[in-house]
Amino acid sequence: MIYIAPSLLSADFSDLANEIRRVSEAGAQYLHLDVMDGEFVPNITFGAPVITSLRRCTGMVFDVHLMIREPIRYIKDFAKAGADLITFHLESCQDPRKVIREIREREIRCGIAISPATPVDLVLPYLEEVDMVLIMTVVPGFGGQALIPSCLDKVRFLRRYADRRGLTIDIEVDGGIKEDNIALATEAGANVIVAGSAIFGSKKPRSVIEGMRKAAAEHPFRG
């Protein structure tokens, strides 16, 4: 199944409750929440208190993407804030398994992410311990960047690898995904699609989401 996850980073921050309602009513299932600390990536966004407030606005799946150093320090806070899924970066911590265990102890879903420069092989040892792998298709830190097509090779490799081993795992892509290129991602094997400006920047988000779903359905992963 294809899941569409609008990235809140591209929303109008002066009217977040209505922005969330708008994409939810347009058919998005997930809300992608980019948490940046200004250290792991060169940008600062928001933290657990904002997510706590947003949780009261919607029943959407909160897909919390931690782009912070040593995320284990804050797993408890984001779980308490209402995260349904917490994804952390392989590059951000000394002991990924310790972070995975901390997330699992909160009885929420766990994802692991890699940036464009990180070889996909490095996530393979963790596949049986996580629910999702996030392949960044732009350099993390800022929205509005163009898709790096070569990153989709990682998606294809990972999907084939998981299928050969009978692993059921979501593969998420984040960065530069739009209605006119989502097919590249789904053909490669991605099934969770983050899109920021393409959805929040549109006056007709329902039309965009429907178009993305149609393109995804017409271009599934074929092995």
Protein backbone atom coordinates (compact mmCIF):
# COMPACT_ATOMS: atom_id res chain seq x y z
CA MET A 1 0.00 0.00 0.00
CA ILE A 2 1.15 3.53 -0.79
CA TYR A 3 1.12 6.01 2.09
CA ILE A 4 1.31 9.75 1.43
CA ALA A 5 3.06 11.76 4.16
CA PRO A 6 2.94 15.54 3.71
CA SER A 7 5.90 17.21 5.40
CA LEU A 8 4.85 19.87 7.87
CA LEU A 9 8.06 21.73 7.13
CA SER A 10 6.33 23.18 4.05
CA ALA A 11 3.12 24.23 5.84
CA ASP A 12 2.05 27.72 6.83
CA PHE A 13 3.30 27.82 10.43
CA SER A 14 0.93 30.65 11.30
CA ASP A 15 -2.05 28.32 10.79
CA LEU A 16 -0.89 24.78 11.50
CA ALA A 17 -4.17 23.36 12.75
CA ASN A 18 -5.97 24.31 9.54
CA GLU A 19 -3.03 23.23 7.40
CA ILE A 20 -3.13 19.78 8.99
CA ARG A 21 -6.88 19.55 8.58
CA ARG A 22 -6.52 20.53 4.92
CA VAL A 23 -4.12 17.70 4.04
CA SER A 24 -5.98 15.17 6.17
CA GLU A 25 -9.23 15.92 4.38
CA ALA A 26 -7.32 15.70 1.10
CA GLY A 27 -6.57 12.04 1.82
CA ALA A 28 -3.10 11.94 3.38
CA GLN A 29 -2.66 9.22 6.00
CA TYR A 30 0.63 10.29 7.58
CA LEU A 31 1.94 13.63 8.77
CA HIS A 32 5.72 13.84 8.42
CA LEU A 33 7.26 15.86 11.24
CA ASP A 34 10.87 16.94 10.68
CA VAL A 35 12.66 17.62 13.96
CA MET A 36 16.00 19.38 13.44
CA ASP A 37 18.45 20.53 16.09
CA GLY A 38 20.77 22.86 14.16
CA GLU A 39 23.66 20.51 14.88
CA PHE A 40 23.08 17.28 12.99
CA VAL A 41 21.64 19.37 10.17
CA PRO A 42 22.06 23.13 9.58
CA ASN A 43 18.49 24.06 10.46
CA ILE A 44 16.24 24.26 13.53
CA THR A 45 12.54 23.41 13.42
CA PHE A 46 10.46 22.33 16.42
CA GLY A 47 10.44 19.85 19.25
CA ALA A 48 8.19 17.66 21.36
CA PRO A 49 6.03 20.48 22.84
CA VAL A 50 4.84 21.50 19.37
CA ILE A 51 4.05 17.89 18.50
CA THR A 52 2.09 17.55 21.74
CA SER A 53 -0.05 20.51 20.70
CA LEU A 54 -0.55 19.21 17.17
CA ARG A 55 -1.56 15.78 18.45
CA ARG A 56 -4.81 17.32 19.71
CA CYS A 57 -5.64 18.49 16.18
CA THR A 58 -5.70 15.23 14.26
CA GLY A 59 -5.74 11.46 14.30
CA MET A 60 -3.26 11.21 11.43
CA VAL A 61 -0.25 8.94 11.87
CA PHE A 62 2.57 11.07 13.27
CA ASP A 63 5.69 10.13 11.34
CA VAL A 64 8.40 11.82 13.44
CA HIS A 65 11.74 12.16 11.65
CA LEU A 66 14.52 13.00 14.09
CA MET A 67 17.44 14.84 12.54
CA ILE A 68 19.23 15.39 15.83
CA ARG A 69 22.46 14.29 17.50
CA GLU A 70 22.18 11.29 19.85
CA PRO A 71 18.40 10.99 19.53
CA ILE A 72 18.17 8.48 22.37
CA ARG A 73 18.11 11.45 24.75
CA TYR A 74 14.67 12.49 23.52
CA ILE A 75 12.84 9.28 22.52
CA LYS A 76 10.77 9.33 25.70
CA ASP A 77 9.69 12.93 25.04
CA PHE A 78 8.60 12.32 21.45
CA ALA A 79 6.79 9.11 22.36
CA LYS A 80 4.91 10.97 25.08
CA ALA A 81 4.14 13.79 22.64
CA GLY A 82 2.18 11.39 20.45
CA ALA A 83 4.57 9.95 17.86
CA ASP A 84 3.25 6.82 16.14
CA LEU A 85 6.52 6.21 14.33
CA ILE A 86 9.97 7.55 15.22
CA THR A 87 12.74 7.50 12.64
CA PHE A 88 16.31 8.36 13.55
CA HIS A 89 19.42 8.72 11.41
CA LEU A 90 22.02 5.99 11.38
CA GLU A 91 24.66 8.72 11.15
CA SER A 92 23.40 10.56 14.23
CA CYS A 93 24.28 8.11 16.98
CA GLN A 94 27.00 5.87 18.32
CA ASP A 95 24.77 2.88 19.08
CA PRO A 96 21.81 2.46 16.67
CA ARG A 97 20.60 -0.71 18.37
CA LYS A 98 20.32 1.08 21.68
CA VAL A 99 18.12 3.71 20.03
CA ILE A 100 15.99 1.01 18.40
CA ARG A 101 15.48 -0.68 21.77
CA GLU A 102 14.52 2.62 23.37
CA ILE A 103 11.87 3.23 20.71
CA ARG A 104 10.57 -0.33 20.94
CA GLU A 105 10.20 -0.04 24.70
CA ARG A 106 7.70 2.76 24.06
CA GLU A 107 5.63 0.33 21.94
CA ILE A 108 5.72 2.53 18.87
CA ARG A 109 7.01 1.85 15.38
CA CYS A 110 10.68 2.39 14.59
CA GLY A 111 12.42 3.63 11.46
CA ILE A 112 16.05 4.17 10.54
CA ALA A 113 17.18 6.78 8.01
CA ILE A 114 20.24 7.34 5.86
CA SER A 115 21.41 10.48 4.06
CA PRO A 116 22.43 10.51 0.37
CA ALA A 117 26.14 10.09 1.11
CA THR A 118 25.62 7.00 3.32
CA PRO A 119 25.96 3.56 1.67
CA VAL A 120 22.76 1.54 1.85
CA ASP A 121 24.69 -1.52 3.02
CA LEU A 122 25.07 0.07 6.43
CA VAL A 123 21.37 -0.34 7.26
CA LEU A 124 21.20 -4.02 6.35
CA PRO A 125 22.16 -5.30 9.83
CA TYR A 126 19.12 -3.54 11.31
CA LEU A 127 16.38 -4.54 8.86
CA GLU A 128 14.90 -7.25 11.07
CA GLU A 129 14.68 -4.81 13.99
CA VAL A 130 12.88 -1.86 12.37
CA ASP A 131 9.54 -1.26 10.67
CA MET A 132 10.77 1.22 8.09
CA VAL A 133 13.88 2.50 6.34
CA LEU A 134 13.90 6.13 5.21
CA ILE A 135 16.06 6.83 2.18
CA MET A 136 16.74 10.55 1.99
CA THR A 137 16.53 11.70 -1.63
CA VAL A 138 17.93 15.14 -0.80
CA VAL A 139 20.58 16.32 1.62
CA PRO A 140 18.66 16.70 4.92
CA GLY A 141 18.14 20.12 6.41
CA PHE A 142 15.91 22.19 4.15
CA GLY A 143 12.73 21.68 2.13
CA GLY A 144 12.23 22.59 -1.50
CA GLN A 145 15.26 20.72 -2.86
CA ALA A 146 15.30 18.70 -6.09
CA LEU A 147 15.24 14.91 -6.01
CA ILE A 148 18.64 13.21 -6.33
CA PRO A 149 17.73 10.36 -8.73
CA SER A 150 20.72 8.18 -7.83
CA CYS A 151 19.31 7.78 -4.30
CA LEU A 152 16.54 5.66 -5.78
CA ASP A 153 19.11 2.98 -6.58
CA LYS A 154 19.31 2.45 -2.81
CA VAL A 155 15.54 2.03 -2.64
CA ARG A 156 15.58 -0.60 -5.39
CA PHE A 157 18.46 -2.50 -3.80
CA LEU A 158 16.81 -2.43 -0.39
CA ARG A 159 13.41 -3.60 -1.67
CA ARG A 160 14.98 -6.49 -3.55
CA TYR A 161 17.10 -7.41 -0.55
CA ALA A 162 14.09 -7.39 1.80
CA ASP A 163 11.90 -9.36 -0.60
CA ARG A 164 14.54 -12.05 -1.09
CA ARG A 165 14.66 -12.55 2.66
CA GLY A 166 10.91 -12.42 3.22
CA LEU A 167 11.09 -9.21 5.25
CA THR A 168 8.01 -7.01 5.41
CA ILE A 169 9.31 -3.48 5.67
CA ASP A 170 8.20 -0.02 4.62
CA ILE A 171 10.60 2.05 2.54
CA GLU A 172 10.10 5.78 2.78
CA VAL A 173 11.55 8.43 0.48
CA ASP A 174 11.89 12.05 1.49
CA GLY A 175 13.02 14.93 -0.69
CA GLY A 176 11.90 16.45 -3.97
CA ILE A 177 9.01 14.02 -4.56
CA LYS A 178 6.17 15.44 -6.66
CA GLU A 179 3.29 14.26 -8.77
CA ASP A 180 5.47 14.17 -11.88
CA ASN A 181 8.26 12.03 -10.39
CA ILE A 182 6.60 9.84 -7.76
CA ALA A 183 6.55 7.02 -10.32
CA LEU A 184 10.35 6.85 -10.14
CA ALA A 185 10.12 6.23 -6.39
CA THR A 186 7.34 3.64 -6.46
CA GLU A 187 8.91 1.73 -9.36
CA ALA A 188 12.06 1.53 -7.24
CA GLY A 189 10.07 0.02 -4.36
CA ALA A 190 9.17 2.93 -2.08
CA ASN A 191 5.74 2.80 -0.46
CA VAL A 192 5.80 5.73 2.00
CA ILE A 193 6.10 9.01 0.15
CA VAL A 194 7.04 12.27 1.84
CA ALA A 195 6.07 15.38 -0.11
CA GLY A 196 6.26 18.88 1.29
CA SER A 197 5.80 21.84 -1.01
CA ALA A 198 4.06 19.68 -3.63
CA ILE A 199 1.14 19.19 -1.24
CA PHE A 200 1.17 22.03 1.29
CA GLY A 201 2.08 24.50 -1.46
CA SER A 202 -0.90 23.53 -3.58
CA LYS A 203 -4.32 25.19 -3.47
CA LYS A 204 -5.79 21.81 -4.37
CA PRO A 205 -3.99 19.25 -2.22
CA ARG A 206 -6.64 16.60 -2.85
CA SER A 207 -5.97 16.78 -6.56
CA VAL A 208 -2.22 16.47 -5.96
CA ILE A 209 -2.61 13.48 -3.63
CA GLU A 210 -5.02 11.75 -5.99
CA GLY A 211 -2.61 12.36 -8.86
CA MET A 212 0.24 10.92 -6.83
CA ARG A 213 -1.77 7.84 -5.96
CA LYS A 214 -2.75 7.33 -9.58
CA ALA A 215 0.85 7.60 -10.76
CA ALA A 216 1.98 5.22 -8.02
CA ALA A 217 -0.70 2.67 -8.96
CA GLU A 218 0.39 2.81 -12.59
CA HIS A 219 4.07 2.38 -11.70
CA PRO A 220 4.42 -0.29 -8.99
CA PHE A 221 7.61 -2.07 -8.04
CA ARG A 222 8.14 -4.98 -10.41
CA GLY A 223 11.18 -6.59 -8.86
